[in-house]
């Protein structure tokens, strides 16, 4: 079966990457992280048939257009019910996705992977039999997602070790901001970052710090 088609646009004042997955065999689609600009989101879906809205997490820049698109598309909303703070919102999802849960787009299966740190309800969407992962704000080309406490940063370090690094080198990460990247091209930097003692650090981090 043909791979899922992945569409992306930057929306909102923070340049948040919103995604759509479209099954070429069935024309079914899902919208991921409807952050802003409903007309752009609608255009991205094209003539496909949306079946769900998925959320990597609930920070405002990722769900700014959620209610508009929820009403417009009339499809179930799915996300994680981990702690929504700091800064997250209660999205009243129609289905809660937890570690290892699977969802479908047409004939293709996608697995939800729990990846807390940046926020307690962060999940990644791993495309099965595919090298692509939609990682939200778990990890960027230049560093991990921002944290708001030293405990949050320590959780991010654990997520990098136990969730992200076990993925194959050919994994292509599609983040919530900035360009997508091949994990193998960043593995050495991430491992060096994890080998350092960062003390009680939290905030914006880069691999070279």
Protein backbone atom coordinates (compact mmCIF):
# COMPACT_ATOMS: atom_id res chain seq x y z
CA UNK A 1 0.00 0.00 0.00
CA UNK A 2 1.23 3.51 -0.80
CA UNK A 3 2.66 5.62 2.02
CA UNK A 4 0.56 8.29 3.66
CA UNK A 5 0.85 11.69 2.06
CA UNK A 6 2.16 14.27 4.55
CA UNK A 7 1.17 17.91 4.08
CA UNK A 8 2.49 20.72 6.25
CA UNK A 9 2.01 24.47 6.61
CA UNK A 10 3.28 27.07 9.05
CA UNK A 11 0.46 28.84 10.88
CA UNK A 12 0.08 31.46 13.57
CA UNK A 13 2.46 34.10 14.93
CA UNK A 14 4.98 31.52 16.19
CA UNK A 15 5.33 29.67 12.88
CA UNK A 16 3.82 26.45 14.23
CA UNK A 17 3.94 23.46 11.88
CA UNK A 18 0.51 21.97 11.34
CA UNK A 19 0.26 18.65 9.51
CA UNK A 20 -2.24 16.60 7.55
CA UNK A 21 -1.91 12.91 6.80
CA UNK A 22 -3.83 11.75 3.73
CA UNK A 23 -4.31 8.13 2.69
CA UNK A 24 -3.94 7.96 -1.10
CA UNK A 25 -5.93 4.71 -1.29
CA UNK A 26 -9.05 5.92 0.56
CA UNK A 27 -8.66 9.74 0.48
CA UNK A 28 -9.25 9.80 4.25
CA UNK A 29 -7.22 12.34 6.23
CA UNK A 30 -6.41 13.56 9.71
CA UNK A 31 -5.49 17.09 10.76
CA UNK A 32 -2.69 17.36 13.32
CA UNK A 33 -2.23 20.38 15.60
CA UNK A 34 -4.69 22.97 14.23
CA UNK A 35 -2.82 25.93 15.66
CA UNK A 36 -4.26 28.88 13.74
CA UNK A 37 -5.45 30.12 10.33
CA UNK A 38 -8.48 27.85 9.67
CA UNK A 39 -8.56 28.73 5.98
CA UNK A 40 -4.99 27.50 5.52
CA UNK A 41 -5.86 24.31 7.40
CA UNK A 42 -8.87 23.73 5.18
CA UNK A 43 -6.79 24.32 2.07
CA UNK A 44 -4.19 21.83 3.28
CA UNK A 45 -6.86 19.12 3.60
CA UNK A 46 -7.93 19.78 0.02
CA UNK A 47 -10.61 17.41 -1.26
CA UNK A 48 -9.74 14.68 1.26
CA UNK A 49 -12.24 13.30 3.76
CA UNK A 50 -11.15 14.20 7.32
CA UNK A 51 -11.83 11.51 9.92
CA UNK A 52 -10.14 12.97 13.03
CA UNK A 53 -8.10 15.77 14.57
CA UNK A 54 -4.99 14.63 16.44
CA UNK A 55 -3.04 16.72 18.94
CA UNK A 56 0.61 16.28 19.86
CA UNK A 57 -0.04 18.45 22.94
CA UNK A 58 -2.23 21.26 24.24
CA UNK A 59 -0.11 24.41 24.25
CA UNK A 60 -2.12 27.32 22.78
CA UNK A 61 -0.02 27.66 19.62
CA UNK A 62 -0.94 24.07 18.71
CA UNK A 63 -4.69 24.25 19.39
CA UNK A 64 -5.62 27.86 18.59
CA UNK A 65 -7.99 26.84 15.80
CA UNK A 66 -9.13 23.58 17.41
CA UNK A 67 -12.70 24.57 18.20
CA UNK A 68 -13.24 26.18 14.80
CA UNK A 69 -11.94 23.11 12.97
CA UNK A 70 -13.76 20.74 15.30
CA UNK A 71 -17.05 22.38 14.41
CA UNK A 72 -16.20 22.76 10.75
CA UNK A 73 -15.05 19.17 10.19
CA UNK A 74 -17.36 17.42 12.65
CA UNK A 75 -14.76 14.78 13.50
CA UNK A 76 -13.47 13.37 16.82
CA UNK A 77 -10.53 15.01 18.59
CA UNK A 78 -7.78 12.80 20.00
CA UNK A 79 -4.94 13.70 22.34
CA UNK A 80 -3.28 12.68 25.58
CA UNK A 81 -4.80 13.30 29.03
CA UNK A 82 -1.52 13.73 30.89
CA UNK A 83 -1.08 16.86 33.03
CA UNK A 84 -2.02 19.82 30.83
CA UNK A 85 -0.02 22.40 32.77
CA UNK A 86 2.12 24.43 32.36
CA UNK A 87 0.21 26.33 29.74
CA UNK A 88 -1.88 23.49 28.37
CA UNK A 89 -5.64 23.41 27.98
CA UNK A 90 -8.37 20.90 28.75
CA UNK A 91 -9.36 19.90 25.24
CA UNK A 92 -12.23 17.55 26.16
CA UNK A 93 -11.03 15.00 23.65
CA UNK A 94 -13.33 12.39 22.21
CA UNK A 95 -10.61 9.77 22.65
CA UNK A 96 -7.56 9.82 24.89
CA UNK A 97 -4.44 8.38 23.31
CA UNK A 98 -1.92 6.76 25.61
CA UNK A 99 1.41 5.00 25.11
CA UNK A 100 1.16 2.38 22.38
CA UNK A 101 -2.40 3.17 21.29
CA UNK A 102 -2.95 2.91 17.55
CA UNK A 103 -5.06 5.03 15.24
CA UNK A 104 -5.80 4.69 11.55
CA UNK A 105 -5.85 6.88 8.47
CA UNK A 106 -7.54 4.88 5.78
CA UNK A 107 -5.62 1.63 5.54
CA UNK A 108 -2.55 2.90 7.40
CA UNK A 109 -1.77 2.51 11.11
CA UNK A 110 -0.12 5.15 13.32
CA UNK A 111 1.09 4.55 16.89
CA UNK A 112 0.90 7.13 19.68
CA UNK A 113 4.05 7.34 21.80
CA UNK A 114 4.06 9.19 25.13
CA UNK A 115 6.91 11.72 25.27
CA UNK A 116 6.55 14.08 28.28
CA UNK A 117 8.95 16.82 29.33
CA UNK A 118 8.02 19.90 27.32
CA UNK A 119 4.52 19.34 28.71
CA UNK A 120 2.89 16.41 30.47
CA UNK A 121 0.48 15.57 27.64
CA UNK A 122 3.03 15.46 24.80
CA UNK A 123 2.76 12.52 22.39
CA UNK A 124 4.43 11.64 19.11
CA UNK A 125 2.74 9.96 16.16
CA UNK A 126 4.87 7.14 14.70
CA UNK A 127 3.85 6.11 11.19
CA UNK A 128 4.00 2.32 11.12
CA UNK A 129 6.10 0.68 8.40
CA UNK A 130 7.42 4.16 7.61
CA UNK A 131 10.42 6.23 8.70
CA UNK A 132 8.42 9.35 9.63
CA UNK A 133 7.43 10.52 13.11
CA UNK A 134 5.44 13.65 13.95
CA UNK A 135 7.16 14.68 17.18
CA UNK A 136 5.41 17.93 18.16
CA UNK A 137 7.64 19.90 20.54
CA UNK A 138 9.45 16.83 21.90
CA UNK A 139 12.57 17.50 19.84
CA UNK A 140 13.75 20.00 17.24
CA UNK A 141 16.66 20.03 14.82
CA UNK A 142 18.64 22.23 17.22
CA UNK A 143 17.59 20.98 20.63
CA UNK A 144 14.79 19.63 22.83
CA UNK A 145 11.54 21.44 23.56
CA UNK A 146 11.47 24.24 26.12
CA UNK A 147 10.90 23.30 29.76
CA UNK A 148 9.51 25.30 32.67
CA UNK A 149 11.09 23.51 35.65
CA UNK A 150 14.16 21.43 36.41
CA UNK A 151 11.86 18.42 36.89
CA UNK A 152 10.41 19.04 33.42
CA UNK A 153 13.91 19.19 31.96
CA UNK A 154 14.90 15.93 33.69
CA UNK A 155 11.76 14.35 32.23
CA UNK A 156 12.81 15.60 28.79
CA UNK A 157 16.24 13.97 29.23
CA UNK A 158 14.54 10.67 30.12
CA UNK A 159 12.26 10.95 27.07
CA UNK A 160 15.25 11.57 24.80
CA UNK A 161 17.04 8.51 26.21
CA UNK A 162 14.13 6.07 26.35
CA UNK A 163 11.80 7.21 23.56
CA UNK A 164 13.70 9.14 20.89
CA UNK A 165 17.18 7.61 20.71
CA UNK A 166 15.91 4.03 20.30
CA UNK A 167 14.36 5.05 16.97
CA UNK A 168 16.44 4.06 13.90
CA UNK A 169 18.88 6.54 12.35
CA UNK A 170 16.67 6.81 9.26
CA UNK A 171 13.76 8.15 11.33
CA UNK A 172 12.68 11.54 10.00
CA UNK A 173 11.32 13.79 12.76
CA UNK A 174 8.64 16.34 11.89
CA UNK A 175 8.57 18.88 14.74
CA UNK A 176 6.11 21.54 15.85
CA UNK A 177 8.48 24.33 14.77
CA UNK A 178 11.33 24.51 12.29
CA UNK A 179 12.55 22.03 9.68
CA UNK A 180 12.22 18.26 9.73
CA UNK A 181 15.45 16.31 10.17
CA UNK A 182 16.91 12.81 10.08
CA UNK A 183 17.55 11.49 13.59
CA UNK A 184 20.84 9.85 12.63
CA UNK A 185 22.21 13.24 11.59
CA UNK A 186 21.69 14.53 15.15
CA UNK A 187 22.34 11.37 17.18
CA UNK A 188 25.94 12.22 18.15
CA UNK A 189 24.92 15.73 19.29
CA UNK A 190 22.01 14.39 21.31
CA UNK A 191 24.16 11.74 22.97
CA UNK A 192 26.79 14.35 23.84
CA UNK A 193 24.06 16.59 25.27
CA UNK A 194 22.74 13.75 27.42
CA UNK A 195 26.23 12.91 28.68
CA UNK A 196 26.65 16.34 30.29
CA UNK A 197 25.59 17.36 33.80
CA UNK A 198 23.07 20.16 33.32
CA UNK A 199 22.40 20.63 37.04
CA UNK A 200 19.04 22.25 37.75
CA UNK A 201 18.73 23.78 34.29
CA UNK A 202 15.42 24.39 32.57
CA UNK A 203 14.27 26.61 29.71
CA UNK A 204 15.34 26.73 26.07
CA UNK A 205 18.15 24.27 25.35
CA UNK A 206 20.41 23.63 22.38
CA UNK A 207 22.45 20.52 21.64
CA UNK A 208 25.74 22.41 21.93
CA UNK A 209 25.15 23.83 25.42
